[in-house]
Amino acid sequence: MLIRYKKRLEKIAMGLLSFMPDEKEVKKLQDTIKEYETNEEWHLFLWKEGEDILGAIGVIAKENEKVILLQHISVDPSHRNLGIGKQMIQGLKEYFLTYEVKPNEQTEGFFEKCNNC
C-alpha cells in the first residue's frame, strides 16, 4: 500500500531513490529529499507490504493543470519483477483521482511498460 513519506523514513527513502540514475550522489539525494519535504507541489510516497518498505514513488502535482508528473519510481532490487512498480502507479492514480498521471523523461519507459501490461 502507498504511504506518505515521513521524515522518520528519510534513510529508507534515500536508499530507494538512490537506485534512480540521476540520484546516485548523496548531496543530490539530500537535495531531492529536502525538496519533497518543503515544496508543496512535490509528493513522495513509499510502498509498504507488511512491515517492509519496498518502493518509492515521487511526483510533482501541477494543480492548475490537474497533472501529476511522475519523476521518481524505484523498487528494492530484491523485489523487482513482482508488479510492485505497477501497483505503485495504480495507487498513485487512485490517490490523485482527478489528475492525469504523466511520466517525465526518466520515468517514461517504465511508465509505458506498466500501462501496456
C-alpha atoms as a PDB file:
ATOM      1  CA  MET A   1       0.000   0.000   0.000  1.00  0.00           C
ATOM      2  CA  LEU A   2       1.098   3.580  -0.639  1.00  0.00           C
ATOM      3  CA  ILE A   3       2.028   5.607   2.410  1.00  0.00           C
ATOM      4  CA  ARG A   4       3.073   9.250   2.569  1.00  0.00           C
ATOM      5  CA  TYR A   5       6.733   9.932   3.193  1.00  0.00           C
ATOM      6  CA  LYS A   6       7.586  10.992   6.739  1.00  0.00           C
ATOM      7  CA  LYS A   7      10.884  12.415   7.993  1.00  0.00           C
ATOM      8  CA  ARG A   8      11.496   9.335  10.168  1.00  0.00           C
ATOM      9  CA  LEU A   9      11.652   7.266   6.932  1.00  0.00           C
ATOM     10  CA  GLU A  10      14.270   9.516   5.351  1.00  0.00           C
ATOM     11  CA  LYS A  11      17.113   6.949   5.204  1.00  0.00           C
ATOM     12  CA  ILE A  12      14.864   4.301   3.663  1.00  0.00           C
ATOM     13  CA  ALA A  13      13.531   6.793   1.105  1.00  0.00           C
ATOM     14  CA  MET A  14      17.049   7.950   0.223  1.00  0.00           C
ATOM     15  CA  GLY A  15      18.169   4.349  -0.192  1.00  0.00           C
ATOM     16  CA  LEU A  16      15.315   3.607  -2.569  1.00  0.00           C
ATOM     17  CA  LEU A  17      15.725   6.847  -4.526  1.00  0.00           C
ATOM     18  CA  SER A  18      19.451   6.123  -4.921  1.00  0.00           C
ATOM     19  CA  PHE A  19      18.507   3.442  -7.481  1.00  0.00           C
ATOM     20  CA  MET A  20      17.356   6.223  -9.835  1.00  0.00           C
ATOM     21  CA  PRO A  21      20.093   7.032 -12.392  1.00  0.00           C
ATOM     22  CA  ASP A  22      20.280  10.762 -11.528  1.00  0.00           C
ATOM     23  CA  GLU A  23      20.153  10.257  -7.765  1.00  0.00           C
ATOM     24  CA  LYS A  24      23.438   8.462  -7.101  1.00  0.00           C
ATOM     25  CA  GLU A  25      25.267  11.219  -5.194  1.00  0.00           C
ATOM     26  CA  VAL A  26      24.474  11.781  -1.501  1.00  0.00           C
ATOM     27  CA  LYS A  27      24.256  15.586  -1.914  1.00  0.00           C
ATOM     28  CA  LYS A  28      21.790  15.215  -4.796  1.00  0.00           C
ATOM     29  CA  LEU A  29      19.704  12.757  -2.759  1.00  0.00           C
ATOM     30  CA  GLN A  30      19.671  15.123   0.213  1.00  0.00           C
ATOM     31  CA  ASP A  31      18.544  17.997  -2.032  1.00  0.00           C
ATOM     32  CA  THR A  32      15.794  15.817  -3.550  1.00  0.00           C
ATOM     33  CA  ILE A  33      14.502  14.735  -0.135  1.00  0.00           C
ATOM     34  CA  LYS A  34      14.576  18.349   1.088  1.00  0.00           C
ATOM     35  CA  GLU A  35      12.529  19.375  -1.955  1.00  0.00           C
ATOM     36  CA  TYR A  36       9.942  16.675  -1.151  1.00  0.00           C
ATOM     37  CA  GLU A  37       9.805  17.936   2.440  1.00  0.00           C
ATOM     38  CA  THR A  38       9.482  21.644   1.662  1.00  0.00           C
ATOM     39  CA  ASN A  39       7.828  22.069  -1.753  1.00  0.00           C
ATOM     40  CA  GLU A  40       4.031  21.804  -1.594  1.00  0.00           C
ATOM     41  CA  GLU A  41       3.848  20.535  -5.189  1.00  0.00           C
ATOM     42  CA  TRP A  42       6.275  17.659  -4.584  1.00  0.00           C
ATOM     43  CA  HIS A  43       4.867  14.447  -3.055  1.00  0.00           C
ATOM     44  CA  LEU A  44       6.823  11.347  -2.074  1.00  0.00           C
ATOM     45  CA  PHE A  45       5.152   8.036  -1.291  1.00  0.00           C
ATOM     46  CA  LEU A  46       6.578   4.730  -0.154  1.00  0.00           C
ATOM     47  CA  TRP A  47       5.223   1.265  -0.921  1.00  0.00           C
ATOM     48  CA  LYS A  48       4.728  -0.862   2.169  1.00  0.00           C
ATOM     49  CA  GLU A  49       3.926  -4.562   2.320  1.00  0.00           C
ATOM     50  CA  GLY A  50       3.567  -5.898   5.840  1.00  0.00           C
ATOM     51  CA  GLU A  51       6.356  -4.244   7.828  1.00  0.00           C
ATOM     52  CA  ASP A  52       8.658  -3.816   4.821  1.00  0.00           C
ATOM     53  CA  ILE A  53       9.044  -0.739   2.640  1.00  0.00           C
ATOM     54  CA  LEU A  54       9.817  -1.978  -0.848  1.00  0.00           C
ATOM     55  CA  GLY A  55       9.499   1.039  -3.134  1.00  0.00           C
ATOM     56  CA  ALA A  56       9.348   4.790  -3.546  1.00  0.00           C
ATOM     57  CA  ILE A  57       7.402   6.929  -5.979  1.00  0.00           C
ATOM     58  CA  GLY A  58       7.693  10.691  -6.244  1.00  0.00           C
ATOM     59  CA  VAL A  59       5.612  13.192  -8.166  1.00  0.00           C
ATOM     60  CA  ILE A  60       5.071  16.860  -8.836  1.00  0.00           C
ATOM     61  CA  ALA A  61       1.394  17.863  -8.657  1.00  0.00           C
ATOM     62  CA  LYS A  62       0.513  20.653 -11.065  1.00  0.00           C
ATOM     63  CA  GLU A  63      -2.822  21.711  -9.565  1.00  0.00           C
ATOM     64  CA  ASN A  64      -3.682  24.304 -12.209  1.00  0.00           C
ATOM     65  CA  GLU A  65      -3.252  21.677 -14.957  1.00  0.00           C
ATOM     66  CA  LYS A  66      -4.639  18.695 -12.984  1.00  0.00           C
ATOM     67  CA  VAL A  67      -1.486  16.760 -13.907  1.00  0.00           C
ATOM     68  CA  ILE A  68       0.744  14.551 -11.789  1.00  0.00           C
ATOM     69  CA  LEU A  69       4.270  14.343 -13.186  1.00  0.00           C
ATOM     70  CA  LEU A  70       5.940  11.065 -12.213  1.00  0.00           C
ATOM     71  CA  GLN A  71       9.566  11.926 -11.540  1.00  0.00           C
ATOM     72  CA  HIS A  72      10.876   9.091  -9.358  1.00  0.00           C
ATOM     73  CA  ILE A  73       9.959   5.423  -9.138  1.00  0.00           C
ATOM     74  CA  SER A  74      12.135   2.777  -7.556  1.00  0.00           C
ATOM     75  CA  VAL A  75      11.706  -0.722  -6.184  1.00  0.00           C
ATOM     76  CA  ASP A  76      14.109  -2.581  -3.907  1.00  0.00           C
ATOM     77  CA  PRO A  77      16.185  -4.770  -6.283  1.00  0.00           C
ATOM     78  CA  SER A  78      15.340  -7.956  -4.387  1.00  0.00           C
ATOM     79  CA  HIS A  79      11.629  -7.325  -5.005  1.00  0.00           C
ATOM     80  CA  ARG A  80      11.702  -6.333  -8.671  1.00  0.00           C
ATOM     81  CA  ASN A  81       9.658  -8.040 -11.385  1.00  0.00           C
ATOM     82  CA  LEU A  82       6.832  -8.731  -8.928  1.00  0.00           C
ATOM     83  CA  GLY A  83       4.498  -5.970 -10.146  1.00  0.00           C
ATOM     84  CA  ILE A  84       5.261  -3.542  -7.309  1.00  0.00           C
ATOM     85  CA  GLY A  85       6.056  -0.655  -9.666  1.00  0.00           C
ATOM     86  CA  LYS A  86       2.787  -1.178 -11.492  1.00  0.00           C
ATOM     87  CA  GLN A  87       0.929  -1.316  -8.160  1.00  0.00           C
ATOM     88  CA  MET A  88       2.587   1.941  -7.073  1.00  0.00           C
ATOM     89  CA  ILE A  89       1.481   3.700 -10.257  1.00  0.00           C
ATOM     90  CA  GLN A  90      -2.053   2.336  -9.817  1.00  0.00           C
ATOM     91  CA  GLY A  91      -2.057   3.506  -6.186  1.00  0.00           C
ATOM     92  CA  LEU A  92      -0.933   6.940  -7.332  1.00  0.00           C
ATOM     93  CA  LYS A  93      -3.770   7.128  -9.860  1.00  0.00           C
ATOM     94  CA  GLU A  94      -6.244   6.193  -7.126  1.00  0.00           C
ATOM     95  CA  TYR A  95      -4.760   8.761  -4.709  1.00  0.00           C
ATOM     96  CA  PHE A  96      -4.955  11.572  -7.276  1.00  0.00           C
ATOM     97  CA  LEU A  97      -8.279  10.549  -8.853  1.00  0.00           C
ATOM     98  CA  THR A  98      -8.997  13.827 -10.641  1.00  0.00           C
ATOM     99  CA  TYR A  99      -5.477  14.196 -12.072  1.00  0.00           C
ATOM    100  CA  GLU A 100      -3.838  12.745 -15.161  1.00  0.00           C
ATOM    101  CA  VAL A 101      -0.593  10.923 -14.346  1.00  0.00           C
ATOM    102  CA  LYS A 102       2.218  11.548 -16.829  1.00  0.00           C
ATOM    103  CA  PRO A 103       5.858  10.421 -16.773  1.00  0.00           C
ATOM    104  CA  ASN A 104       8.908  12.621 -17.076  1.00  0.00           C
ATOM    105  CA  GLU A 105      11.810  11.719 -19.352  1.00  0.00           C
ATOM    106  CA  GLN A 106      13.433   9.458 -16.740  1.00  0.00           C
ATOM    107  CA  THR A 107      10.285   7.505 -15.896  1.00  0.00           C
ATOM    108  CA  GLU A 108       8.697   7.375 -19.351  1.00  0.00           C
ATOM    109  CA  GLY A 109       9.966   3.914 -20.357  1.00  0.00           C
ATOM    110  CA  PHE A 110       8.850   2.262 -17.138  1.00  0.00           C
ATOM    111  CA  PHE A 111       5.522   4.116 -17.155  1.00  0.00           C
ATOM    112  CA  GLU A 112       4.747   2.961 -20.696  1.00  0.00           C
ATOM    113  CA  LYS A 113       5.737  -0.612 -19.841  1.00  0.00           C
ATOM    114  CA  CYS A 114       3.320  -0.575 -16.860  1.00  0.00           C
ATOM    115  CA  ASN A 115       0.473   0.863 -18.918  1.00  0.00           C
ATOM    116  CA  ASN A 116       0.906  -1.841 -21.559  1.00  0.00           C
ATOM    117  CA  CYS A 117       0.780  -4.772 -19.112  1.00  0.00           C
END
